[in-house]
Amino acid sequence: MTSAMTHTSTGGTVLVVEDDTRVCTLVTWQLETEGYTVIEAPDGSCALERISNDKPNLVVLDLSLPGVGGLDILRRVRTAERSDGTPSRRPTCCAPACCATALGSPR
């Protein structure tokens, strides 16, 4: 299980899903400056857990995550399944998602 950080402020709750700690720190800082509560998830598995448990108002999602990628996360939370494997009419998360990627950029 991967640890995730929660930073508290006033305002809505935003989940930042980003594996690059520098980018995550910058986005978190900016959102907190604007009064949002920020929850961080460094990978897709942790993001799915945080979405299910914390029900954020907005998800800022890196599409190029290692392992469970950003598009897979969106698909999973928008097309939830019941425990018996049958599709549910209710998605895990109805919050808007802001997707970003740095594909092709040098590290």
C-alpha atoms as a PDB file:
ATOM      1  CA  MET A   1       0.000   0.000   0.000  1.00  0.00           C
ATOM      2  CA  THR A   2       1.330   3.399  -0.976  1.00  0.00           C
ATOM      3  CA  SER A   3       1.057   6.301   1.388  1.00  0.00           C
ATOM      4  CA  ALA A   4      -0.711   9.494   0.360  1.00  0.00           C
ATOM      5  CA  MET A   5      -0.611  12.923   1.889  1.00  0.00           C
ATOM      6  CA  THR A   6      -3.527  15.144   2.867  1.00  0.00           C
ATOM      7  CA  HIS A   7      -3.118  18.897   3.228  1.00  0.00           C
ATOM      8  CA  THR A   8      -5.966  20.820   4.836  1.00  0.00           C
ATOM      9  CA  SER A   9      -7.289  24.278   3.927  1.00  0.00           C
ATOM     10  CA  THR A  10     -10.727  25.827   3.466  1.00  0.00           C
ATOM     11  CA  GLY A  11     -12.726  25.147   0.298  1.00  0.00           C
ATOM     12  CA  GLY A  12     -13.455  22.041  -1.765  1.00  0.00           C
ATOM     13  CA  THR A  13     -11.360  18.888  -1.833  1.00  0.00           C
ATOM     14  CA  VAL A  14      -9.033  18.227  -4.774  1.00  0.00           C
ATOM     15  CA  LEU A  15      -7.217  14.949  -5.384  1.00  0.00           C
ATOM     16  CA  VAL A  16      -3.874  15.473  -7.152  1.00  0.00           C
ATOM     17  CA  VAL A  17      -2.677  12.258  -8.806  1.00  0.00           C
ATOM     18  CA  GLU A  18       0.932  12.792  -9.866  1.00  0.00           C
ATOM     19  CA  ASP A  19       4.045  10.617  -9.661  1.00  0.00           C
ATOM     20  CA  ASP A  20       6.532  13.494 -10.098  1.00  0.00           C
ATOM     21  CA  THR A  21       6.991  14.963  -6.617  1.00  0.00           C
ATOM     22  CA  ARG A  22       8.119  18.351  -7.957  1.00  0.00           C
ATOM     23  CA  VAL A  23       4.976  18.751 -10.069  1.00  0.00           C
ATOM     24  CA  CYS A  24       2.775  17.466  -7.255  1.00  0.00           C
ATOM     25  CA  THR A  25       4.303  19.943  -4.798  1.00  0.00           C
ATOM     26  CA  LEU A  26       3.766  22.849  -7.196  1.00  0.00           C
ATOM     27  CA  VAL A  27       0.136  21.933  -7.973  1.00  0.00           C
ATOM     28  CA  THR A  28      -0.619  21.291  -4.292  1.00  0.00           C
ATOM     29  CA  TRP A  29       0.892  24.617  -3.256  1.00  0.00           C
ATOM     30  CA  GLN A  30      -1.133  26.537  -5.847  1.00  0.00           C
ATOM     31  CA  LEU A  31      -4.408  24.835  -4.922  1.00  0.00           C
ATOM     32  CA  GLU A  32      -3.830  25.381  -1.202  1.00  0.00           C
ATOM     33  CA  THR A  33      -3.049  29.043  -1.894  1.00  0.00           C
ATOM     34  CA  GLU A  34      -6.501  29.252  -3.490  1.00  0.00           C
ATOM     35  CA  GLY A  35      -8.123  27.711  -0.398  1.00  0.00           C
ATOM     36  CA  TYR A  36      -8.636  24.083  -1.437  1.00  0.00           C
ATOM     37  CA  THR A  37      -8.067  20.977   0.650  1.00  0.00           C
ATOM     38  CA  VAL A  38      -5.579  18.837  -1.279  1.00  0.00           C
ATOM     39  CA  ILE A  39      -5.219  15.067  -1.174  1.00  0.00           C
ATOM     40  CA  GLU A  40      -2.216  13.576  -2.969  1.00  0.00           C
ATOM     41  CA  ALA A  41      -1.844  10.171  -4.590  1.00  0.00           C
ATOM     42  CA  PRO A  42       1.499   9.188  -6.155  1.00  0.00           C
ATOM     43  CA  ASP A  43       0.128   6.355  -8.313  1.00  0.00           C
ATOM     44  CA  GLY A  44      -3.030   4.901  -9.830  1.00  0.00           C
ATOM     45  CA  SER A  45      -3.706   2.306  -7.149  1.00  0.00           C
ATOM     46  CA  CYS A  46      -3.519   4.881  -4.393  1.00  0.00           C
ATOM     47  CA  ALA A  47      -5.685   7.259  -6.465  1.00  0.00           C
ATOM     48  CA  LEU A  48      -8.442   4.663  -6.818  1.00  0.00           C
ATOM     49  CA  GLU A  49      -8.410   4.112  -3.066  1.00  0.00           C
ATOM     50  CA  ARG A  50      -8.493   7.856  -2.295  1.00  0.00           C
ATOM     51  CA  ILE A  51     -11.322   8.463  -4.802  1.00  0.00           C
ATOM     52  CA  SER A  52     -13.388   5.706  -3.224  1.00  0.00           C
ATOM     53  CA  ASN A  53     -12.704   6.749   0.376  1.00  0.00           C
ATOM     54  CA  ASP A  54     -12.467  10.550   0.190  1.00  0.00           C
ATOM     55  CA  LYS A  55     -14.949  11.469  -2.599  1.00  0.00           C
ATOM     56  CA  PRO A  56     -13.031  14.536  -3.869  1.00  0.00           C
ATOM     57  CA  ASN A  57     -14.798  17.445  -5.598  1.00  0.00           C
ATOM     58  CA  LEU A  58     -12.174  17.520  -8.381  1.00  0.00           C
ATOM     59  CA  VAL A  59      -9.460  15.139  -9.578  1.00  0.00           C
ATOM     60  CA  VAL A  60      -6.279  16.533 -11.163  1.00  0.00           C
ATOM     61  CA  LEU A  61      -4.951  13.495 -12.975  1.00  0.00           C
ATOM     62  CA  ASP A  62      -1.642  12.740 -14.680  1.00  0.00           C
ATOM     63  CA  LEU A  63      -2.433  10.548 -17.686  1.00  0.00           C
ATOM     64  CA  SER A  64       1.056   9.050 -17.913  1.00  0.00           C
ATOM     65  CA  LEU A  65       1.270   7.332 -14.527  1.00  0.00           C
ATOM     66  CA  PRO A  66       3.252   4.109 -14.169  1.00  0.00           C
ATOM     67  CA  GLY A  67       1.137   1.008 -13.555  1.00  0.00           C
ATOM     68  CA  VAL A  68      -2.538   1.974 -13.511  1.00  0.00           C
ATOM     69  CA  GLY A  69      -2.625   4.911 -15.935  1.00  0.00           C
ATOM     70  CA  GLY A  70      -4.794   7.997 -15.826  1.00  0.00           C
ATOM     71  CA  LEU A  71      -7.240   6.834 -18.504  1.00  0.00           C
ATOM     72  CA  ASP A  72      -7.648   3.501 -16.716  1.00  0.00           C
ATOM     73  CA  ILE A  73      -8.459   5.369 -13.505  1.00  0.00           C
ATOM     74  CA  LEU A  74     -11.125   7.411 -15.308  1.00  0.00           C
ATOM     75  CA  ARG A  75     -12.665   4.311 -16.861  1.00  0.00           C
ATOM     76  CA  ARG A  76     -12.752   2.455 -13.548  1.00  0.00           C
ATOM     77  CA  VAL A  77     -14.365   5.222 -11.527  1.00  0.00           C
ATOM     78  CA  ARG A  78     -16.868   6.162 -14.251  1.00  0.00           C
ATOM     79  CA  THR A  79     -17.995   2.561 -14.875  1.00  0.00           C
ATOM     80  CA  ALA A  80     -18.164   1.066 -11.408  1.00  0.00           C
ATOM     81  CA  GLU A  81     -19.027  -2.572 -10.782  1.00  0.00           C
ATOM     82  CA  ARG A  82     -21.000  -4.101  -7.955  1.00  0.00           C
ATOM     83  CA  SER A  83     -19.332  -6.675  -5.732  1.00  0.00           C
ATOM     84  CA  ASP A  84     -20.862  -9.469  -7.873  1.00  0.00           C
ATOM     85  CA  GLY A  85     -19.172  -8.064 -11.007  1.00  0.00           C
ATOM     86  CA  THR A  86     -22.283  -6.648 -12.662  1.00  0.00           C
ATOM     87  CA  PRO A  87     -22.171  -3.018 -13.845  1.00  0.00           C
ATOM     88  CA  SER A  88     -23.588  -0.389 -11.519  1.00  0.00           C
ATOM     89  CA  ARG A  89     -25.553   2.645 -12.635  1.00  0.00           C
ATOM     90  CA  ARG A  90     -23.669   4.713 -10.080  1.00  0.00           C
ATOM     91  CA  PRO A  91     -20.046   5.565 -10.816  1.00  0.00           C
ATOM     92  CA  THR A  92     -17.522   5.515  -7.976  1.00  0.00           C
ATOM     93  CA  CYS A  93     -16.807   9.195  -8.560  1.00  0.00           C
ATOM     94  CA  CYS A  94     -18.824  11.871 -10.347  1.00  0.00           C
ATOM     95  CA  ALA A  95     -16.309  14.656  -9.719  1.00  0.00           C
ATOM     96  CA  PRO A  96     -14.885  16.444 -12.736  1.00  0.00           C
ATOM     97  CA  ALA A  97     -11.381  15.402 -13.762  1.00  0.00           C
ATOM     98  CA  CYS A  98      -8.681  17.687 -15.095  1.00  0.00           C
ATOM     99  CA  CYS A  99      -6.245  15.530 -17.087  1.00  0.00           C
ATOM    100  CA  ALA A 100      -2.678  16.458 -17.952  1.00  0.00           C
ATOM    101  CA  THR A 101       0.388  14.760 -19.305  1.00  0.00           C
ATOM    102  CA  ALA A 102       3.986  15.531 -20.142  1.00  0.00           C
ATOM    103  CA  LEU A 103       4.393  12.757 -22.709  1.00  0.00           C
ATOM    104  CA  GLY A 104       7.437  13.324 -24.855  1.00  0.00           C
ATOM    105  CA  SER A 105       9.005  15.865 -22.526  1.00  0.00           C
ATOM    106  CA  PRO A 106      12.560  15.251 -21.301  1.00  0.00           C
ATOM    107  CA  ARG A 107      13.048  14.337 -17.640  1.00  0.00           C
END
